[in-house]
Amino acid sequence: MTVTFQSILIIESVLTVMVSSGLRVTNKAAKAGRQRTLNSTG
């Protein structure tokens, strides 16, 4: 199975987008969770 350099670049860019969007989602969830705990304690 031969993998061309172009397909490697495409896979890498897709992975990068997935990781960055995943980080954004987890950041949002963490912020929402933190605010929820602040509201319940305060």
N, C-alpha and C. Protein backbone atom coordinates (compact mmCIF):
# COMPACT_ATOMS: atom_id res chain seq x y z
N MET A 1 0.86 -1.20 0.00
CA MET A 1 0.00 0.00 0.00
C MET A 1 0.89 1.25 0.00
N THR A 2 0.78 2.03 -1.03
CA THR A 2 1.60 3.24 -1.12
C THR A 2 0.79 4.46 -0.70
N VAL A 3 1.38 5.24 0.15
CA VAL A 3 0.71 6.47 0.61
C VAL A 3 1.47 7.66 0.02
N THR A 4 0.77 8.47 -0.76
CA THR A 4 1.43 9.61 -1.37
C THR A 4 1.60 10.73 -0.36
N PHE A 5 2.55 11.61 -0.63
CA PHE A 5 2.82 12.72 0.27
C PHE A 5 1.59 13.61 0.40
N GLN A 6 0.84 13.75 -0.70
CA GLN A 6 -0.35 14.61 -0.68
C GLN A 6 -1.40 14.06 0.28
N SER A 7 -1.61 12.75 0.25
CA SER A 7 -2.62 12.17 1.14
C SER A 7 -2.19 12.31 2.60
N ILE A 8 -0.87 12.24 2.84
CA ILE A 8 -0.37 12.44 4.21
C ILE A 8 -0.71 13.86 4.67
N LEU A 9 -0.51 14.84 3.81
CA LEU A 9 -0.82 16.23 4.16
C LEU A 9 -2.30 16.38 4.44
N ILE A 10 -3.14 15.76 3.60
CA ILE A 10 -4.60 15.87 3.78
C ILE A 10 -5.00 15.26 5.12
N ILE A 11 -4.47 14.06 5.41
CA ILE A 11 -4.80 13.41 6.68
C ILE A 11 -4.36 14.27 7.85
N GLU A 12 -3.14 14.84 7.73
CA GLU A 12 -2.62 15.65 8.83
C GLU A 12 -3.48 16.88 9.07
N SER A 13 -3.92 17.54 7.98
CA SER A 13 -4.75 18.74 8.15
C SER A 13 -6.10 18.38 8.75
N VAL A 14 -6.66 17.25 8.33
CA VAL A 14 -7.95 16.81 8.90
C VAL A 14 -7.80 16.53 10.38
N LEU A 15 -6.72 15.83 10.75
CA LEU A 15 -6.48 15.53 12.16
C LEU A 15 -6.31 16.82 12.96
N THR A 16 -5.59 17.78 12.40
CA THR A 16 -5.37 19.05 13.09
C THR A 16 -6.69 19.76 13.35
N VAL A 17 -7.56 19.78 12.34
CA VAL A 17 -8.86 20.43 12.49
C VAL A 17 -9.68 19.70 13.55
N MET A 18 -9.66 18.37 13.51
CA MET A 18 -10.43 17.60 14.49
C MET A 18 -9.93 17.87 15.90
N VAL A 19 -8.62 17.88 16.07
CA VAL A 19 -8.04 18.10 17.40
C VAL A 19 -8.37 19.50 17.91
N SER A 20 -8.21 20.51 17.04
CA SER A 20 -8.45 21.89 17.48
C SER A 20 -9.92 22.10 17.83
N SER A 21 -10.83 21.54 17.02
CA SER A 21 -12.26 21.69 17.32
C SER A 21 -12.61 20.91 18.58
N GLY A 22 -11.98 19.76 18.77
CA GLY A 22 -12.21 18.98 19.99
C GLY A 22 -11.76 19.74 21.22
N LEU A 23 -10.60 20.40 21.13
CA LEU A 23 -10.10 21.19 22.25
C LEU A 23 -11.06 22.33 22.56
N ARG A 24 -11.58 22.95 21.50
CA ARG A 24 -12.51 24.06 21.71
C ARG A 24 -13.75 23.57 22.44
N VAL A 25 -14.25 22.42 22.04
CA VAL A 25 -15.46 21.87 22.68
C VAL A 25 -15.19 21.56 24.15
N THR A 26 -14.05 20.93 24.44
CA THR A 26 -13.75 20.59 25.83
C THR A 26 -13.53 21.85 26.65
N ASN A 27 -12.93 22.89 26.06
CA ASN A 27 -12.75 24.15 26.78
C ASN A 27 -14.10 24.75 27.14
N LYS A 28 -15.03 24.73 26.17
CA LYS A 28 -16.38 25.26 26.44
C LYS A 28 -17.04 24.47 27.56
N ALA A 29 -16.93 23.15 27.50
CA ALA A 29 -17.55 22.31 28.53
C ALA A 29 -16.93 22.59 29.89
N ALA A 30 -15.60 22.75 29.92
CA ALA A 30 -14.92 23.02 31.19
C ALA A 30 -15.37 24.36 31.75
N LYS A 31 -15.47 25.37 30.88
CA LYS A 31 -15.91 26.70 31.35
C LYS A 31 -17.33 26.63 31.89
N ALA A 32 -18.22 25.93 31.15
CA ALA A 32 -19.61 25.81 31.59
C ALA A 32 -19.68 25.08 32.92
N GLY A 33 -18.89 24.00 33.06
CA GLY A 33 -18.89 23.24 34.31
C GLY A 33 -18.39 24.10 35.47
N ARG A 34 -17.35 24.89 35.21
CA ARG A 34 -16.81 25.74 36.26
C ARG A 34 -17.85 26.77 36.70
N GLN A 35 -18.52 27.38 35.73
CA GLN A 35 -19.53 28.37 36.07
C GLN A 35 -20.68 27.73 36.85
N ARG A 36 -21.03 26.49 36.49
CA ARG A 36 -22.12 25.81 37.18
C ARG A 36 -21.74 25.58 38.64
N THR A 37 -20.50 25.13 38.88
CA THR A 37 -20.08 24.88 40.26
C THR A 37 -20.02 26.20 41.03
N LEU A 38 -19.57 27.27 40.39
CA LEU A 38 -19.52 28.57 41.05
C LEU A 38 -20.93 29.01 41.45
N ASN A 39 -21.88 28.82 40.54
CA ASN A 39 -23.25 29.24 40.82
C ASN A 39 -23.85 28.42 41.97
N SER A 40 -23.58 27.12 42.01
CA SER A 40 -24.17 26.27 43.04
C SER A 40 -23.54 26.56 44.40
N THR A 41 -22.24 26.87 44.42
CA THR A 41 -21.59 27.13 45.71
C THR A 41 -21.87 28.56 46.17
N GLY A 42 -21.91 29.49 45.23
CA GLY A 42 -22.11 30.89 45.59
C GLY A 42 -23.57 31.16 45.78
